[in-house]
Amino acid sequence: MITFNGVPMTLSGKSEYRFVDASDQSGFDINKPQGNNLLMTINKMNAAFIDLIKDGDSLELHWTEK
């Protein structure tokens, strides 16, 4: 289980997962901008959509103005 934007989430069906897998499952729509930049973190460290995630990770994805 991981946490995505504060919500517990379980991913299943693959041997490994990337940030993009969690964002896709969450329903977060990057095609509807609500700011100028996307802030992505894994365990409060800067992240990218291709970064691997593991059980227990805390992911955040938010639009920012900066």
PDB file of N, CA and C in Angstrom:
ATOM      1  N   MET A   1       0.843  -1.176   0.000  1.00  0.00           N
ATOM      2  CA  MET A   1       0.000   0.000   0.000  1.00  0.00           C
ATOM      3  C   MET A   1       0.889   1.241   0.000  1.00  0.00           C
ATOM      4  N   ILE A   2       0.452   2.244  -0.747  1.00  0.00           N
ATOM      5  CA  ILE A   2       1.113   3.543  -0.771  1.00  0.00           C
ATOM      6  C   ILE A   2       0.092   4.591  -0.345  1.00  0.00           C
ATOM      7  N   THR A   3       0.555   5.813  -0.205  1.00  0.00           N
ATOM      8  CA  THR A   3      -0.340   6.939   0.034  1.00  0.00           C
ATOM      9  C   THR A   3      -0.152   7.915  -1.112  1.00  0.00           C
ATOM     10  N   PHE A   4      -1.265   8.320  -1.744  1.00  0.00           N
ATOM     11  CA  PHE A   4      -1.217   9.260  -2.858  1.00  0.00           C
ATOM     12  C   PHE A   4      -2.049  10.466  -2.476  1.00  0.00           C
ATOM     13  N   ASN A   5      -1.388  11.615  -2.331  1.00  0.00           N
ATOM     14  CA  ASN A   5      -2.058  12.852  -1.896  1.00  0.00           C
ATOM     15  C   ASN A   5      -2.871  12.614  -0.624  1.00  0.00           C
ATOM     16  N   GLY A   6      -2.281  11.853   0.298  1.00  0.00           N
ATOM     17  CA  GLY A   6      -2.902  11.616   1.597  1.00  0.00           C
ATOM     18  C   GLY A   6      -3.934  10.513   1.635  1.00  0.00           C
ATOM     19  N   VAL A   7      -4.197   9.868   0.494  1.00  0.00           N
ATOM     20  CA  VAL A   7      -5.210   8.816   0.423  1.00  0.00           C
ATOM     21  C   VAL A   7      -4.518   7.462   0.247  1.00  0.00           C
ATOM     22  N   PRO A   8      -4.804   6.495   1.128  1.00  0.00           N
ATOM     23  CA  PRO A   8      -4.213   5.159   0.957  1.00  0.00           C
ATOM     24  C   PRO A   8      -4.654   4.538  -0.368  1.00  0.00           C
ATOM     25  N   MET A   9      -3.707   3.860  -1.032  1.00  0.00           N
ATOM     26  CA  MET A   9      -3.980   3.264  -2.330  1.00  0.00           C
ATOM     27  C   MET A   9      -3.228   1.943  -2.433  1.00  0.00           C
ATOM     28  N   THR A  10      -3.888   0.942  -2.973  1.00  0.00           N
ATOM     29  CA  THR A  10      -3.242  -0.347  -3.226  1.00  0.00           C
ATOM     30  C   THR A  10      -3.114  -0.534  -4.721  1.00  0.00           C
ATOM     31  N   LEU A  11      -1.903  -0.864  -5.164  1.00  0.00           N
ATOM     32  CA  LEU A  11      -1.643  -1.146  -6.570  1.00  0.00           C
ATOM     33  C   LEU A  11      -1.453  -2.649  -6.718  1.00  0.00           C
ATOM     34  N   SER A  12      -2.000  -3.233  -7.768  1.00  0.00           N
ATOM     35  CA  SER A  12      -1.830  -4.670  -7.967  1.00  0.00           C
ATOM     36  C   SER A  12      -1.788  -4.999  -9.444  1.00  0.00           C
ATOM     37  N   GLY A  13      -1.188  -6.148  -9.757  1.00  0.00           N
ATOM     38  CA  GLY A  13      -1.147  -6.634 -11.122  1.00  0.00           C
ATOM     39  C   GLY A  13       0.197  -6.527 -11.813  1.00  0.00           C
ATOM     40  N   LYS A  14       1.164  -5.852 -11.198  1.00  0.00           N
ATOM     41  CA  LYS A  14       2.492  -5.705 -11.796  1.00  0.00           C
ATOM     42  C   LYS A  14       3.549  -6.093 -10.770  1.00  0.00           C
ATOM     43  N   SER A  15       4.749  -6.383 -11.253  1.00  0.00           N
ATOM     44  CA  SER A  15       5.838  -6.716 -10.343  1.00  0.00           C
ATOM     45  C   SER A  15       6.526  -5.464  -9.802  1.00  0.00           C
ATOM     46  N   GLU A  16       6.433  -4.339 -10.540  1.00  0.00           N
ATOM     47  CA  GLU A  16       6.980  -3.075 -10.062  1.00  0.00           C
ATOM     48  C   GLU A  16       6.101  -1.937 -10.563  1.00  0.00           C
ATOM     49  N   TYR A  17       6.160  -0.826  -9.839  1.00  0.00           N
ATOM     50  CA  TYR A  17       5.307   0.321 -10.160  1.00  0.00           C
ATOM     51  C   TYR A  17       6.129   1.587 -10.233  1.00  0.00           C
ATOM     52  N   ARG A  18       5.634   2.506 -11.028  1.00  0.00           N
ATOM     53  CA  ARG A  18       6.244   3.825 -11.166  1.00  0.00           C
ATOM     54  C   ARG A  18       5.220   4.874 -10.744  1.00  0.00           C
ATOM     55  N   PHE A  19       5.714   6.064 -10.503  1.00  0.00           N
ATOM     56  CA  PHE A  19       4.850   7.166 -10.065  1.00  0.00           C
ATOM     57  C   PHE A  19       3.641   7.297 -10.986  1.00  0.00           C
ATOM     58  N   VAL A  20       3.867   7.182 -12.287  1.00  0.00           N
ATOM     59  CA  VAL A  20       2.786   7.343 -13.264  1.00  0.00           C
ATOM     60  C   VAL A  20       1.667   6.323 -13.047  1.00  0.00           C
ATOM     61  N   ASP A  21       1.992   5.117 -12.602  1.00  0.00           N
ATOM     62  CA  ASP A  21       0.959   4.108 -12.343  1.00  0.00           C
ATOM     63  C   ASP A  21       0.008   4.574 -11.252  1.00  0.00           C
ATOM     64  N   ALA A  22       0.557   5.142 -10.197  1.00  0.00           N
ATOM     65  CA  ALA A  22      -0.270   5.637  -9.095  1.00  0.00           C
ATOM     66  C   ALA A  22      -1.082   6.852  -9.526  1.00  0.00           C
ATOM     67  N   SER A  23      -0.469   7.761 -10.282  1.00  0.00           N
ATOM     68  CA  SER A  23      -1.216   8.950 -10.709  1.00  0.00           C
ATOM     69  C   SER A  23      -2.346   8.567 -11.651  1.00  0.00           C
ATOM     70  N   ASP A  24      -2.119   7.590 -12.527  1.00  0.00           N
ATOM     71  CA  ASP A  24      -3.181   7.120 -13.427  1.00  0.00           C
ATOM     72  C   ASP A  24      -4.343   6.531 -12.626  1.00  0.00           C
ATOM     73  N   GLN A  25      -4.029   5.699 -11.649  1.00  0.00           N
ATOM     74  CA  GLN A  25      -5.073   5.056 -10.848  1.00  0.00           C
ATOM     75  C   GLN A  25      -5.822   6.062  -9.979  1.00  0.00           C
ATOM     76  N   SER A  26      -5.148   7.126  -9.589  1.00  0.00           N
ATOM     77  CA  SER A  26      -5.767   8.109  -8.686  1.00  0.00           C
ATOM     78  C   SER A  26      -6.832   8.955  -9.378  1.00  0.00           C
ATOM     79  N   GLY A  27      -6.726   9.063 -10.696  1.00  0.00           N
ATOM     80  CA  GLY A  27      -7.655   9.920 -11.425  1.00  0.00           C
ATOM     81  C   GLY A  27      -7.169  11.357 -11.560  1.00  0.00           C
ATOM     82  N   PHE A  28      -5.967  11.663 -11.091  1.00  0.00           N
ATOM     83  CA  PHE A  28      -5.401  13.005 -11.224  1.00  0.00           C
ATOM     84  C   PHE A  28      -5.222  13.301 -12.712  1.00  0.00           C
ATOM     85  N   ASP A  29      -5.832  14.354 -13.201  1.00  0.00           N
ATOM     86  CA  ASP A  29      -5.811  14.678 -14.627  1.00  0.00           C
ATOM     87  C   ASP A  29      -4.813  15.789 -14.910  1.00  0.00           C
ATOM     88  N   ILE A  30      -3.651  15.421 -15.453  1.00  0.00           N
ATOM     89  CA  ILE A  30      -2.636  16.436 -15.760  1.00  0.00           C
ATOM     90  C   ILE A  30      -3.003  17.249 -16.995  1.00  0.00           C
ATOM     91  N   ASN A  31      -4.030  16.823 -17.708  1.00  0.00           N
ATOM     92  CA  ASN A  31      -4.456  17.547 -18.907  1.00  0.00           C
ATOM     93  C   ASN A  31      -5.370  18.723 -18.602  1.00  0.00           C
ATOM     94  N   LYS A  32      -5.703  18.916 -17.332  1.00  0.00           N
ATOM     95  CA  LYS A  32      -6.515  20.061 -16.909  1.00  0.00           C
ATOM     96  C   LYS A  32      -5.713  20.868 -15.883  1.00  0.00           C
ATOM     97  N   PRO A  33      -4.779  21.675 -16.375  1.00  0.00           N
ATOM     98  CA  PRO A  33      -3.904  22.426 -15.472  1.00  0.00           C
ATOM     99  C   PRO A  33      -4.671  23.315 -14.490  1.00  0.00           C
ATOM    100  N   GLN A  34      -4.204  23.315 -13.259  1.00  0.00           N
ATOM    101  CA  GLN A  34      -4.750  24.182 -12.219  1.00  0.00           C
ATOM    102  C   GLN A  34      -3.624  24.963 -11.572  1.00  0.00           C
ATOM    103  N   GLY A  35      -2.612  25.250 -12.374  1.00  0.00           N
ATOM    104  CA  GLY A  35      -1.441  25.985 -11.930  1.00  0.00           C
ATOM    105  C   GLY A  35      -0.429  25.981 -13.061  1.00  0.00           C
ATOM    106  N   ASN A  36       0.778  26.466 -12.772  1.00  0.00           N
ATOM    107  CA  ASN A  36       1.816  26.564 -13.793  1.00  0.00           C
ATOM    108  C   ASN A  36       2.746  25.363 -13.854  1.00  0.00           C
ATOM    109  N   ASN A  37       2.944  24.694 -12.737  1.00  0.00           N
ATOM    110  CA  ASN A  37       3.888  23.581 -12.662  1.00  0.00           C
ATOM    111  C   ASN A  37       3.310  22.446 -11.835  1.00  0.00           C
ATOM    112  N   LEU A  38       3.779  21.245 -12.123  1.00  0.00           N
ATOM    113  CA  LEU A  38       3.413  20.094 -11.306  1.00  0.00           C
ATOM    114  C   LEU A  38       4.494  19.851 -10.266  1.00  0.00           C
ATOM    115  N   LEU A  39       4.086  19.684  -9.031  1.00  0.00           N
ATOM    116  CA  LEU A  39       4.997  19.318  -7.960  1.00  0.00           C
ATOM    117  C   LEU A  39       4.787  17.839  -7.687  1.00  0.00           C
ATOM    118  N   MET A  40       5.836  17.055  -7.856  1.00  0.00           N
ATOM    119  CA  MET A  40       5.773  15.614  -7.626  1.00  0.00           C
ATOM    120  C   MET A  40       6.817  15.228  -6.597  1.00  0.00           C
ATOM    121  N   THR A  41       6.385  14.512  -5.569  1.00  0.00           N
ATOM    122  CA  THR A  41       7.332  14.035  -4.565  1.00  0.00           C
ATOM    123  C   THR A  41       7.031  12.589  -4.186  1.00  0.00           C
ATOM    124  N   ILE A  42       8.085  11.898  -3.799  1.00  0.00           N
ATOM    125  CA  ILE A  42       7.989  10.585  -3.165  1.00  0.00           C
ATOM    126  C   ILE A  42       8.706  10.732  -1.841  1.00  0.00           C
ATOM    127  N   ASN A  43       7.980  10.520  -0.767  1.00  0.00           N
ATOM    128  CA  ASN A  43       8.537  10.669   0.581  1.00  0.00           C
ATOM    129  C   ASN A  43       9.204  12.029   0.764  1.00  0.00           C
ATOM    130  N   LYS A  44       8.543  13.065   0.237  1.00  0.00           N
ATOM    131  CA  LYS A  44       8.954  14.471   0.343  1.00  0.00           C
ATOM    132  C   LYS A  44      10.221  14.820  -0.432  1.00  0.00           C
ATOM    133  N   MET A  45      10.636  13.926  -1.339  1.00  0.00           N
ATOM    134  CA  MET A  45      11.785  14.190  -2.206  1.00  0.00           C
ATOM    135  C   MET A  45      11.263  14.389  -3.624  1.00  0.00           C
ATOM    136  N   ASN A  46      11.850  15.322  -4.384  1.00  0.00           N
ATOM    137  CA  ASN A  46      11.415  15.562  -5.757  1.00  0.00           C
ATOM    138  C   ASN A  46      11.377  14.262  -6.540  1.00  0.00           C
ATOM    139  N   ALA A  47      10.386  14.124  -7.401  1.00  0.00           N
ATOM    140  CA  ALA A  47      10.194  12.886  -8.155  1.00  0.00           C
ATOM    141  C   ALA A  47       9.800  13.198  -9.595  1.00  0.00           C
ATOM    142  N   ALA A  48       9.796  12.146 -10.409  1.00  0.00           N
ATOM    143  CA  ALA A  48       9.357  12.222 -11.806  1.00  0.00           C
ATOM    144  C   ALA A  48       8.390  11.071 -12.054  1.00  0.00           C
ATOM    145  N   PHE A  49       7.624  11.187 -13.122  1.00  0.00           N
ATOM    146  CA  PHE A  49       6.633  10.157 -13.424  1.00  0.00           C
ATOM    147  C   PHE A  49       7.256   8.769 -13.598  1.00  0.00           C
ATOM    148  N   ILE A  50       8.513   8.693 -14.021  1.00  0.00           N
ATOM    149  CA  ILE A  50       9.145   7.396 -14.279  1.00  0.00           C
ATOM    150  C   ILE A  50       9.800   6.778 -13.044  1.00  0.00           C
ATOM    151  N   ASP A  51       9.798   7.492 -11.919  1.00  0.00           N
ATOM    152  CA  ASP A  51      10.449   6.969 -10.715  1.00  0.00           C
ATOM    153  C   ASP A  51       9.710   5.755 -10.168  1.00  0.00           C
ATOM    154  N   LEU A  52      10.500   4.752  -9.749  1.00  0.00           N
ATOM    155  CA  LEU A  52       9.931   3.559  -9.129  1.00  0.00           C
ATOM    156  C   LEU A  52       9.380   3.900  -7.754  1.00  0.00           C
ATOM    157  N   ILE A  53       8.289   3.241  -7.388  1.00  0.00           N
ATOM    158  CA  ILE A  53       7.727   3.403  -6.049  1.00  0.00           C
ATOM    159  C   ILE A  53       7.637   2.031  -5.400  1.00  0.00           C
ATOM    160  N   LYS A  54       7.562   2.037  -4.069  1.00  0.00           N
ATOM    161  CA  LYS A  54       7.491   0.780  -3.338  1.00  0.00           C
ATOM    162  C   LYS A  54       6.474   0.876  -2.215  1.00  0.00           C
ATOM    163  N   ASP A  55       6.129  -0.253  -1.678  1.00  0.00           N
ATOM    164  CA  ASP A  55       5.172  -0.330  -0.586  1.00  0.00           C
ATOM    165  C   ASP A  55       5.585   0.617   0.538  1.00  0.00           C
ATOM    166  N   GLY A  56       4.647   1.391   1.027  1.00  0.00           N
ATOM    167  CA  GLY A  56       4.907   2.314   2.125  1.00  0.00           C
ATOM    168  C   GLY A  56       5.265   3.720   1.697  1.00  0.00           C
ATOM    169  N   ASP A  57       5.502   3.932   0.408  1.00  0.00           N
ATOM    170  CA  ASP A  57       5.859   5.275  -0.070  1.00  0.00           C
ATOM    171  C   ASP A  57       4.673   6.230   0.036  1.00  0.00           C
ATOM    172  N   SER A  58       5.010   7.501   0.217  1.00  0.00           N
ATOM    173  CA  SER A  58       4.019   8.572   0.252  1.00  0.00           C
ATOM    174  C   SER A  58       4.263   9.467  -0.952  1.00  0.00           C
ATOM    175  N   LEU A  59       3.302   9.508  -1.870  1.00  0.00           N
ATOM    176  CA  LEU A  59       3.420  10.292  -3.092  1.00  0.00           C
ATOM    177  C   LEU A  59       2.526  11.515  -3.018  1.00  0.00           C
ATOM    178  N   GLU A  60       3.025  12.622  -3.541  1.00  0.00           N
ATOM    179  CA  GLU A  60       2.251  13.857  -3.627  1.00  0.00           C
ATOM    180  C   GLU A  60       2.347  14.364  -5.070  1.00  0.00           C
ATOM    181  N   LEU A  61       1.211  14.810  -5.590  1.00  0.00           N
ATOM    182  CA  LEU A  61       1.151  15.397  -6.924  1.00  0.00           C
ATOM    183  C   LEU A  61       0.186  16.557  -6.862  1.00  0.00           C
ATOM    184  N   HIS A  62       0.712  17.763  -7.083  1.00  0.00           N
ATOM    185  CA  HIS A  62      -0.096  18.979  -6.971  1.00  0.00           C
ATOM    186  C   HIS A  62       0.326  19.996  -8.013  1.00  0.00           C
ATOM    187  N   TRP A  63      -0.606  20.838  -8.420  1.00  0.00           N
ATOM    188  CA  TRP A  63      -0.281  21.985  -9.252  1.00  0.00           C
ATOM    189  C   TRP A  63       0.200  23.108  -8.344  1.00  0.00           C
ATOM    190  N   THR A  64       1.200  23.853  -8.815  1.00  0.00           N
ATOM    191  CA  THR A  64       1.707  25.011  -8.079  1.00  0.00           C
ATOM    192  C   THR A  64       1.738  26.204  -9.026  1.00  0.00           C
ATOM    193  N   GLU A  65       1.834  27.383  -8.461  1.00  0.00           N
ATOM    194  CA  GLU A  65       1.936  28.605  -9.253  1.00  0.00           C
ATOM    195  C   GLU A  65       3.384  28.964  -9.569  1.00  0.00           C
ATOM    196  N   LYS A  66       4.333  28.384  -8.864  1.00  0.00           N
ATOM    197  CA  LYS A  66       5.749  28.729  -9.047  1.00  0.00           C
ATOM    198  C   LYS A  66       6.431  27.770  -9.979  1.00  0.00           C
TER     199      LYS A  66
END
